[in-house]
Protein backbone atom coordinates (compact mmCIF):
# COMPACT_ATOMS: atom_id res chain seq x y z
CA UNK A 1 0.00 0.00 0.00
CA UNK A 2 1.42 3.35 -1.09
CA UNK A 3 1.61 6.12 1.51
CA UNK A 4 -0.19 9.27 0.37
CA UNK A 5 0.52 12.18 2.75
CA UNK A 6 -2.04 14.52 1.19
CA UNK A 7 -4.80 11.92 1.46
CA UNK A 8 -3.79 11.17 5.08
CA UNK A 9 -3.88 14.88 5.85
CA UNK A 10 -7.33 15.31 4.33
CA UNK A 11 -8.69 12.33 6.29
CA UNK A 12 -7.23 13.57 9.57
CA UNK A 13 -8.52 17.09 8.94
CA UNK A 14 -12.00 15.75 8.23
CA UNK A 15 -11.89 13.81 11.50
CA UNK A 16 -10.67 16.86 13.43
CA UNK A 17 -13.46 19.02 12.01
CA UNK A 18 -16.01 16.54 13.36
CA UNK A 19 -14.74 17.17 16.90
CA UNK A 20 -16.46 19.79 19.08
CA UNK A 21 -14.69 23.16 19.49
CA UNK A 22 -13.21 22.25 22.86
CA UNK A 23 -11.71 19.03 21.51
CA UNK A 24 -10.38 20.90 18.46
CA UNK A 25 -8.63 23.43 20.73
CA UNK A 26 -7.13 20.61 22.79
CA UNK A 27 -5.91 18.91 19.63
CA UNK A 28 -4.28 22.14 18.44
CA UNK A 29 -2.63 22.62 21.84
CA UNK A 30 -1.33 19.05 21.83
CA UNK A 31 0.03 19.34 18.29
CA UNK A 32 1.66 22.69 19.08
CA UNK A 33 3.30 21.26 22.20
CA UNK A 34 4.51 18.26 20.22
CA UNK A 35 6.03 20.44 17.50
CA UNK A 36 7.78 22.72 19.97
CA UNK A 37 9.41 19.71 21.70
CA UNK A 38 10.89 18.18 18.58
CA UNK A 39 13.50 20.19 16.69
CA UNK A 40 12.85 20.37 12.98
CA UNK A 41 15.33 18.21 11.11
CA UNK A 42 17.41 20.24 8.70
CA UNK A 43 19.14 18.55 5.78
CA UNK A 44 22.87 18.19 6.34
CA UNK A 45 24.73 20.83 4.39
CA UNK A 46 28.49 20.74 4.25
CA UNK A 47 30.33 23.68 5.78
CA UNK A 48 31.79 25.95 3.14
CA UNK A 49 34.94 28.01 3.25
CA UNK A 50 35.45 31.48 1.82
CA UNK A 51 38.75 30.11 0.52
CA UNK A 52 36.81 28.13 -2.10
CA UNK A 53 36.38 31.44 -3.93
CA UNK A 54 40.11 32.03 -4.19
CA UNK A 55 41.17 32.58 -7.78
CA UNK A 56 37.66 32.89 -9.22
CA UNK A 57 37.53 35.56 -11.91
CA UNK A 58 41.28 36.06 -11.99
CA UNK A 59 41.25 35.83 -15.79
CA UNK A 60 39.05 38.95 -15.93
CA UNK A 61 41.78 41.02 -14.26
CA UNK A 62 44.72 39.80 -16.37
CA UNK A 63 46.60 42.69 -17.93
CA UNK A 64 44.91 45.32 -15.73
CA UNK A 65 47.05 47.38 -13.40
CA UNK A 66 45.26 47.42 -10.03
CA UNK A 67 46.59 50.85 -9.01
CA UNK A 68 45.55 52.43 -12.32
CA UNK A 69 42.11 50.80 -12.12
CA UNK A 70 41.55 52.16 -8.61
CA UNK A 71 42.70 55.63 -9.64
CA UNK A 72 40.22 55.63 -12.55
CA UNK A 73 37.39 54.43 -10.31
CA UNK A 74 38.10 57.07 -7.66
CA UNK A 75 38.30 59.77 -10.31
CA UNK A 76 34.87 58.75 -11.64
CA UNK A 77 33.30 59.40 -8.22
CA UNK A 78 34.00 63.13 -8.43
CA UNK A 79 33.07 63.74 -12.07
CA UNK A 80 30.04 65.94 -12.68
CA UNK A 81 27.46 64.26 -14.85
PDB file of N, CA and C in Angstrom:
ATOM      1  N   UNK A   1       0.839  -1.185   0.000  1.00  0.00           N
ATOM      2  CA  UNK A   1       0.000   0.000   0.000  1.00  0.00           C
ATOM      3  C   UNK A   1       0.880   1.244   0.000  1.00  0.00           C
ATOM      4  N   UNK A   2       0.630   2.142  -0.937  1.00  0.00           N
ATOM      5  CA  UNK A   2       1.421   3.347  -1.085  1.00  0.00           C
ATOM      6  C   UNK A   2       0.943   4.417  -0.096  1.00  0.00           C
ATOM      7  N   UNK A   3       1.908   5.065   0.550  1.00  0.00           N
ATOM      8  CA  UNK A   3       1.607   6.124   1.514  1.00  0.00           C
ATOM      9  C   UNK A   3       1.332   7.425   0.762  1.00  0.00           C
ATOM     10  N   UNK A   4       0.191   8.024   1.038  1.00  0.00           N
ATOM     11  CA  UNK A   4      -0.194   9.275   0.370  1.00  0.00           C
ATOM     12  C   UNK A   4      -0.409  10.351   1.428  1.00  0.00           C
ATOM     13  N   UNK A   5       0.621  11.177   1.698  1.00  0.00           N
ATOM     14  CA  UNK A   5       0.525  12.178   2.754  1.00  0.00           C
ATOM     15  C   UNK A   5      -0.656  13.135   2.595  1.00  0.00           C
ATOM     16  N   UNK A   6      -0.936  13.576   1.390  1.00  0.00           N
ATOM     17  CA  UNK A   6      -2.042  14.518   1.187  1.00  0.00           C
ATOM     18  C   UNK A   6      -3.380  13.885   1.543  1.00  0.00           C
ATOM     19  N   UNK A   7      -3.554  12.624   1.148  1.00  0.00           N
ATOM     20  CA  UNK A   7      -4.797  11.919   1.462  1.00  0.00           C
ATOM     21  C   UNK A   7      -4.919  11.700   2.970  1.00  0.00           C
ATOM     22  N   UNK A   8      -3.803  11.325   3.617  1.00  0.00           N
ATOM     23  CA  UNK A   8      -3.790  11.169   5.076  1.00  0.00           C
ATOM     24  C   UNK A   8      -4.192  12.474   5.742  1.00  0.00           C
ATOM     25  N   UNK A   9      -3.589  13.569   5.288  1.00  0.00           N
ATOM     26  CA  UNK A   9      -3.875  14.884   5.848  1.00  0.00           C
ATOM     27  C   UNK A   9      -5.364  15.208   5.729  1.00  0.00           C
ATOM     28  N   UNK A  10      -5.914  14.997   4.559  1.00  0.00           N
ATOM     29  CA  UNK A  10      -7.328  15.307   4.333  1.00  0.00           C
ATOM     30  C   UNK A  10      -8.236  14.467   5.230  1.00  0.00           C
ATOM     31  N   UNK A  11      -7.891  13.196   5.414  1.00  0.00           N
ATOM     32  CA  UNK A  11      -8.689  12.332   6.288  1.00  0.00           C
ATOM     33  C   UNK A  11      -8.604  12.787   7.745  1.00  0.00           C
ATOM     34  N   UNK A  12      -7.408  13.121   8.190  1.00  0.00           N
ATOM     35  CA  UNK A  12      -7.229  13.573   9.570  1.00  0.00           C
ATOM     36  C   UNK A  12      -7.940  14.902   9.789  1.00  0.00           C
ATOM     37  N   UNK A  13      -7.837  15.808   8.831  1.00  0.00           N
ATOM     38  CA  UNK A  13      -8.524  17.092   8.944  1.00  0.00           C
ATOM     39  C   UNK A  13     -10.031  16.891   9.028  1.00  0.00           C
ATOM     40  N   UNK A  14     -10.558  16.025   8.199  1.00  0.00           N
ATOM     41  CA  UNK A  14     -12.001  15.751   8.231  1.00  0.00           C
ATOM     42  C   UNK A  14     -12.412  15.214   9.603  1.00  0.00           C
ATOM     43  N   UNK A  15     -11.596  14.337  10.164  1.00  0.00           N
ATOM     44  CA  UNK A  15     -11.895  13.806  11.504  1.00  0.00           C
ATOM     45  C   UNK A  15     -11.821  14.914  12.551  1.00  0.00           C
ATOM     46  N   UNK A  16     -10.829  15.773  12.462  1.00  0.00           N
ATOM     47  CA  UNK A  16     -10.669  16.857  13.432  1.00  0.00           C
ATOM     48  C   UNK A  16     -11.834  17.830  13.361  1.00  0.00           C
ATOM     49  N   UNK A  17     -12.347  18.077  12.162  1.00  0.00           N
ATOM     50  CA  UNK A  17     -13.464  19.015  12.008  1.00  0.00           C
ATOM     51  C   UNK A  17     -14.762  18.459  12.581  1.00  0.00           C
ATOM     52  N   UNK A  18     -14.831  17.149  12.747  1.00  0.00           N
ATOM     53  CA  UNK A  18     -16.013  16.541  13.357  1.00  0.00           C
ATOM     54  C   UNK A  18     -15.999  16.660  14.885  1.00  0.00           C
ATOM     55  N   UNK A  19     -14.840  16.995  15.457  1.00  0.00           N
ATOM     56  CA  UNK A  19     -14.743  17.170  16.905  1.00  0.00           C
ATOM     57  C   UNK A  19     -15.452  18.460  17.326  1.00  0.00           C
ATOM     58  N   UNK A  20     -15.875  18.531  18.598  1.00  0.00           N
ATOM     59  CA  UNK A  20     -16.456  19.787  19.080  1.00  0.00           C
ATOM     60  C   UNK A  20     -15.328  20.812  19.261  1.00  0.00           C
ATOM     61  N   UNK A  21     -15.684  22.069  19.425  1.00  0.00           N
ATOM     62  CA  UNK A  21     -14.692  23.161  19.487  1.00  0.00           C
ATOM     63  C   UNK A  21     -13.667  22.936  20.593  1.00  0.00           C
ATOM     64  N   UNK A  22     -14.118  22.478  21.745  1.00  0.00           N
ATOM     65  CA  UNK A  22     -13.209  22.254  22.863  1.00  0.00           C
ATOM     66  C   UNK A  22     -12.172  21.183  22.518  1.00  0.00           C
ATOM     67  N   UNK A  23     -12.624  20.103  21.907  1.00  0.00           N
ATOM     68  CA  UNK A  23     -11.710  19.032  21.515  1.00  0.00           C
ATOM     69  C   UNK A  23     -10.755  19.508  20.419  1.00  0.00           C
ATOM     70  N   UNK A  24     -11.234  20.353  19.511  1.00  0.00           N
ATOM     71  CA  UNK A  24     -10.377  20.902  18.457  1.00  0.00           C
ATOM     72  C   UNK A  24      -9.271  21.760  19.071  1.00  0.00           C
ATOM     73  N   UNK A  25      -9.629  22.582  20.069  1.00  0.00           N
ATOM     74  CA  UNK A  25      -8.630  23.430  20.729  1.00  0.00           C
ATOM     75  C   UNK A  25      -7.610  22.571  21.463  1.00  0.00           C
ATOM     76  N   UNK A  26      -8.064  21.507  22.106  1.00  0.00           N
ATOM     77  CA  UNK A  26      -7.134  20.605  22.787  1.00  0.00           C
ATOM     78  C   UNK A  26      -6.195  19.934  21.791  1.00  0.00           C
ATOM     79  N   UNK A  27      -6.731  19.535  20.655  1.00  0.00           N
ATOM     80  CA  UNK A  27      -5.912  18.913  19.626  1.00  0.00           C
ATOM     81  C   UNK A  27      -4.843  19.885  19.133  1.00  0.00           C
ATOM     82  N   UNK A  28      -5.240  21.127  18.893  1.00  0.00           N
ATOM     83  CA  UNK A  28      -4.285  22.144  18.436  1.00  0.00           C
ATOM     84  C   UNK A  28      -3.204  22.351  19.494  1.00  0.00           C
ATOM     85  N   UNK A  29      -3.604  22.437  20.758  1.00  0.00           N
ATOM     86  CA  UNK A  29      -2.634  22.620  21.839  1.00  0.00           C
ATOM     87  C   UNK A  29      -1.668  21.441  21.907  1.00  0.00           C
ATOM     88  N   UNK A  30      -2.191  20.230  21.778  1.00  0.00           N
ATOM     89  CA  UNK A  30      -1.333  19.050  21.827  1.00  0.00           C
ATOM     90  C   UNK A  30      -0.360  19.009  20.651  1.00  0.00           C
ATOM     91  N   UNK A  31      -0.843  19.340  19.468  1.00  0.00           N
ATOM     92  CA  UNK A  31       0.034  19.343  18.290  1.00  0.00           C
ATOM     93  C   UNK A  31       1.101  20.428  18.410  1.00  0.00           C
ATOM     94  N   UNK A  32       0.704  21.593  18.907  1.00  0.00           N
ATOM     95  CA  UNK A  32       1.661  22.685  19.083  1.00  0.00           C
ATOM     96  C   UNK A  32       2.737  22.302  20.088  1.00  0.00           C
ATOM     97  N   UNK A  33       2.333  21.706  21.198  1.00  0.00           N
ATOM     98  CA  UNK A  33       3.298  21.264  22.202  1.00  0.00           C
ATOM     99  C   UNK A  33       4.244  20.215  21.620  1.00  0.00           C
ATOM    100  N   UNK A  34       3.699  19.302  20.841  1.00  0.00           N
ATOM    101  CA  UNK A  34       4.515  18.261  20.220  1.00  0.00           C
ATOM    102  C   UNK A  34       5.552  18.877  19.280  1.00  0.00           C
ATOM    103  N   UNK A  35       5.118  19.831  18.467  1.00  0.00           N
ATOM    104  CA  UNK A  35       6.026  20.445  17.501  1.00  0.00           C
ATOM    105  C   UNK A  35       7.104  21.274  18.185  1.00  0.00           C
ATOM    106  N   UNK A  36       6.778  21.892  19.302  1.00  0.00           N
ATOM    107  CA  UNK A  36       7.782  22.719  19.974  1.00  0.00           C
ATOM    108  C   UNK A  36       8.803  21.868  20.725  1.00  0.00           C
ATOM    109  N   UNK A  37       8.477  20.614  21.027  1.00  0.00           N
ATOM    110  CA  UNK A  37       9.413  19.708  21.704  1.00  0.00           C
ATOM    111  C   UNK A  37      10.427  19.104  20.748  1.00  0.00           C
ATOM    112  N   UNK A  38      10.017  18.848  19.537  1.00  0.00           N
ATOM    113  CA  UNK A  38      10.890  18.175  18.576  1.00  0.00           C
ATOM    114  C   UNK A  38      11.521  19.179  17.625  1.00  0.00           C
ATOM    115  N   UNK A  39      12.855  19.262  17.630  1.00  0.00           N
ATOM    116  CA  UNK A  39      13.497  20.189  16.694  1.00  0.00           C
ATOM    117  C   UNK A  39      13.262  19.733  15.256  1.00  0.00           C
ATOM    118  N   UNK A  40      13.059  20.701  14.392  1.00  0.00           N
ATOM    119  CA  UNK A  40      12.854  20.375  12.983  1.00  0.00           C
ATOM    120  C   UNK A  40      14.171  19.896  12.396  1.00  0.00           C
ATOM    121  N   UNK A  41      14.123  18.802  11.695  1.00  0.00           N
ATOM    122  CA  UNK A  41      15.330  18.213  11.111  1.00  0.00           C
ATOM    123  C   UNK A  41      15.701  18.997   9.854  1.00  0.00           C
ATOM    124  N   UNK A  42      16.910  19.512   9.857  1.00  0.00           N
ATOM    125  CA  UNK A  42      17.414  20.237   8.700  1.00  0.00           C
ATOM    126  C   UNK A  42      18.310  19.306   7.895  1.00  0.00           C
ATOM    127  N   UNK A  43      18.246  19.391   6.574  1.00  0.00           N
ATOM    128  CA  UNK A  43      19.137  18.546   5.777  1.00  0.00           C
ATOM    129  C   UNK A  43      20.592  18.931   6.046  1.00  0.00           C
ATOM    130  N   UNK A  44      21.446  17.942   6.086  1.00  0.00           N
ATOM    131  CA  UNK A  44      22.868  18.193   6.341  1.00  0.00           C
ATOM    132  C   UNK A  44      23.473  18.932   5.159  1.00  0.00           C
ATOM    133  N   UNK A  45      24.050  20.078   5.443  1.00  0.00           N
ATOM    134  CA  UNK A  45      24.733  20.832   4.393  1.00  0.00           C
ATOM    135  C   UNK A  45      26.197  20.949   4.806  1.00  0.00           C
ATOM    136  N   UNK A  46      27.073  20.659   3.891  1.00  0.00           N
ATOM    137  CA  UNK A  46      28.488  20.736   4.248  1.00  0.00           C
ATOM    138  C   UNK A  46      28.892  22.174   4.535  1.00  0.00           C
ATOM    139  N   UNK A  47      29.798  22.348   5.484  1.00  0.00           N
ATOM    140  CA  UNK A  47      30.326  23.683   5.780  1.00  0.00           C
ATOM    141  C   UNK A  47      31.165  24.122   4.591  1.00  0.00           C
ATOM    142  N   UNK A  48      31.038  25.405   4.262  1.00  0.00           N
ATOM    143  CA  UNK A  48      31.788  25.947   3.136  1.00  0.00           C
ATOM    144  C   UNK A  48      32.841  26.914   3.655  1.00  0.00           C
ATOM    145  N   UNK A  49      33.866  27.096   2.891  1.00  0.00           N
ATOM    146  CA  UNK A  49      34.945  28.007   3.249  1.00  0.00           C
ATOM    147  C   UNK A  49      35.026  29.131   2.225  1.00  0.00           C
ATOM    148  N   UNK A  50      35.273  30.330   2.719  1.00  0.00           N
ATOM    149  CA  UNK A  50      35.454  31.475   1.823  1.00  0.00           C
ATOM    150  C   UNK A  50      36.644  31.230   0.889  1.00  0.00           C
ATOM    151  N   UNK A  51      37.564  30.385   1.324  1.00  0.00           N
ATOM    152  CA  UNK A  51      38.751  30.107   0.519  1.00  0.00           C
ATOM    153  C   UNK A  51      38.415  29.365  -0.773  1.00  0.00           C
ATOM    154  N   UNK A  52      37.214  28.792  -0.858  1.00  0.00           N
ATOM    155  CA  UNK A  52      36.807  28.125  -2.101  1.00  0.00           C
ATOM    156  C   UNK A  52      36.671  29.132  -3.244  1.00  0.00           C
ATOM    157  N   UNK A  53      36.537  30.409  -2.910  1.00  0.00           N
ATOM    158  CA  UNK A  53      36.378  31.443  -3.929  1.00  0.00           C
ATOM    159  C   UNK A  53      37.719  31.955  -4.458  1.00  0.00           C
ATOM    160  N   UNK A  54      38.793  31.551  -3.796  1.00  0.00           N
ATOM    161  CA  UNK A  54      40.111  32.033  -4.185  1.00  0.00           C
ATOM    162  C   UNK A  54      40.386  31.722  -5.652  1.00  0.00           C
ATOM    163  N   UNK A  55      40.785  32.743  -6.383  1.00  0.00           N
ATOM    164  CA  UNK A  55      41.167  32.578  -7.776  1.00  0.00           C
ATOM    165  C   UNK A  55      40.026  32.714  -8.774  1.00  0.00           C
ATOM    166  N   UNK A  56      38.770  32.750  -8.286  1.00  0.00           N
ATOM    167  CA  UNK A  56      37.655  32.892  -9.224  1.00  0.00           C
ATOM    168  C   UNK A  56      37.701  34.263  -9.883  1.00  0.00           C
ATOM    169  N   UNK A  57      37.560  34.303 -11.169  1.00  0.00           N
ATOM    170  CA  UNK A  57      37.527  35.560 -11.912  1.00  0.00           C
ATOM    171  C   UNK A  57      38.891  36.174 -12.177  1.00  0.00           C
ATOM    172  N   UNK A  58      39.948  35.463 -11.819  1.00  0.00           N
ATOM    173  CA  UNK A  58      41.281  36.058 -11.994  1.00  0.00           C
ATOM    174  C   UNK A  58      41.585  36.360 -13.460  1.00  0.00           C
ATOM    175  N   UNK A  59      40.992  35.593 -14.364  1.00  0.00           N
ATOM    176  CA  UNK A  59      41.246  35.828 -15.790  1.00  0.00           C
ATOM    177  C   UNK A  59      40.675  37.172 -16.248  1.00  0.00           C
ATOM    178  N   UNK A  60      39.652  37.662 -15.571  1.00  0.00           N
ATOM    179  CA  UNK A  60      39.052  38.946 -15.927  1.00  0.00           C
ATOM    180  C   UNK A  60      40.035  40.093 -15.683  1.00  0.00           C
ATOM    181  N   UNK A  61      40.882  39.945 -14.668  1.00  0.00           N
ATOM    182  CA  UNK A  61      41.780  41.020 -14.260  1.00  0.00           C
ATOM    183  C   UNK A  61      43.167  40.924 -14.898  1.00  0.00           C
ATOM    184  N   UNK A  62      43.398  39.912 -15.737  1.00  0.00           N
ATOM    185  CA  UNK A  62      44.715  39.795 -16.374  1.00  0.00           C
ATOM    186  C   UNK A  62      44.988  41.020 -17.238  1.00  0.00           C
ATOM    187  N   UNK A  63      46.192  41.555 -17.108  1.00  0.00           N
ATOM    188  CA  UNK A  63      46.601  42.693 -17.928  1.00  0.00           C
ATOM    189  C   UNK A  63      46.090  44.029 -17.415  1.00  0.00           C
ATOM    190  N   UNK A  64      45.416  44.057 -16.284  1.00  0.00           N
ATOM    191  CA  UNK A  64      44.908  45.315 -15.731  1.00  0.00           C
ATOM    192  C   UNK A  64      45.749  45.677 -14.520  1.00  0.00           C
ATOM    193  N   UNK A  65      46.259  46.892 -14.522  1.00  0.00           N
ATOM    194  CA  UNK A  65      47.048  47.375 -13.399  1.00  0.00           C
ATOM    195  C   UNK A  65      46.086  47.798 -12.283  1.00  0.00           C
ATOM    196  N   UNK A  66      46.186  47.172 -11.133  1.00  0.00           N
ATOM    197  CA  UNK A  66      45.258  47.422 -10.029  1.00  0.00           C
ATOM    198  C   UNK A  66      45.287  48.874  -9.585  1.00  0.00           C
ATOM    199  N   UNK A  67      46.474  49.457  -9.460  1.00  0.00           N
ATOM    200  CA  UNK A  67      46.595  50.850  -9.009  1.00  0.00           C
ATOM    201  C   UNK A  67      45.904  51.791  -9.998  1.00  0.00           C
ATOM    202  N   UNK A  68      46.159  51.587 -11.294  1.00  0.00           N
ATOM    203  CA  UNK A  68      45.545  52.435 -12.324  1.00  0.00           C
ATOM    204  C   UNK A  68      44.023  52.284 -12.323  1.00  0.00           C
ATOM    205  N   UNK A  69      43.553  51.052 -12.166  1.00  0.00           N
ATOM    206  CA  UNK A  69      42.110  50.795 -12.123  1.00  0.00           C
ATOM    207  C   UNK A  69      41.476  51.551 -10.956  1.00  0.00           C
ATOM    208  N   UNK A  70      42.084  51.457  -9.784  1.00  0.00           N
ATOM    209  CA  UNK A  70      41.546  52.162  -8.614  1.00  0.00           C
ATOM    210  C   UNK A  70      41.561  53.670  -8.815  1.00  0.00           C
ATOM    211  N   UNK A  71      42.622  54.188  -9.382  1.00  0.00           N
ATOM    212  CA  UNK A  71      42.698  55.628  -9.637  1.00  0.00           C
ATOM    213  C   UNK A  71      41.574  56.080 -10.571  1.00  0.00           C
ATOM    214  N   UNK A  72      41.302  55.292 -11.614  1.00  0.00           N
ATOM    215  CA  UNK A  72      40.225  55.633 -12.545  1.00  0.00           C
ATOM    216  C   UNK A  72      38.859  55.576 -11.852  1.00  0.00           C
ATOM    217  N   UNK A  73      38.665  54.555 -11.039  1.00  0.00           N
ATOM    218  CA  UNK A  73      37.390  54.431 -10.313  1.00  0.00           C
ATOM    219  C   UNK A  73      37.183  55.616  -9.376  1.00  0.00           C
ATOM    220  N   UNK A  74      38.212  55.951  -8.612  1.00  0.00           N
ATOM    221  CA  UNK A  74      38.104  57.068  -7.663  1.00  0.00           C
ATOM    222  C   UNK A  74      37.868  58.383  -8.393  1.00  0.00           C
ATOM    223  N   UNK A  75      38.495  58.546  -9.529  1.00  0.00           N
ATOM    224  CA  UNK A  75      38.302  59.768 -10.314  1.00  0.00           C
ATOM    225  C   UNK A  75      36.870  59.857 -10.823  1.00  0.00           C
ATOM    226  N   UNK A  76      36.241  58.734 -11.116  1.00  0.00           N
ATOM    227  CA  UNK A  76      34.872  58.747 -11.635  1.00  0.00           C
ATOM    228  C   UNK A  76      33.862  59.160 -10.564  1.00  0.00           C
ATOM    229  N   UNK A  77      34.227  59.044  -9.308  1.00  0.00           N
ATOM    230  CA  UNK A  77      33.303  59.405  -8.224  1.00  0.00           C
ATOM    231  C   UNK A  77      33.110  60.914  -8.134  1.00  0.00           C
ATOM    232  N   UNK A  78      34.076  61.668  -8.575  1.00  0.00           N
ATOM    233  CA  UNK A  78      33.999  63.131  -8.430  1.00  0.00           C
ATOM    234  C   UNK A  78      33.611  63.844  -9.715  1.00  0.00           C
ATOM    235  N   UNK A  79      33.451  63.116 -10.801  1.00  0.00           N
ATOM    236  CA  UNK A  79      33.072  63.738 -12.067  1.00  0.00           C
ATOM    237  C   UNK A  79      31.640  64.225 -12.008  1.00  0.00           C
ATOM    238  N   UNK A  80      31.409  65.416 -12.564  1.00  0.00           N
ATOM    239  CA  UNK A  80      30.044  65.936 -12.680  1.00  0.00           C
ATOM    240  C   UNK A  80      29.378  65.328 -13.898  1.00  0.00           C
ATOM    241  N   UNK A  81      28.179  64.877 -13.712  1.00  0.00           N
ATOM    242  CA  UNK A  81      27.455  64.263 -14.848  1.00  0.00           C
ATOM    243  C   UNK A  81      26.282  65.095 -15.230  1.00  0.00           C
TER     244      UNK A  81
END
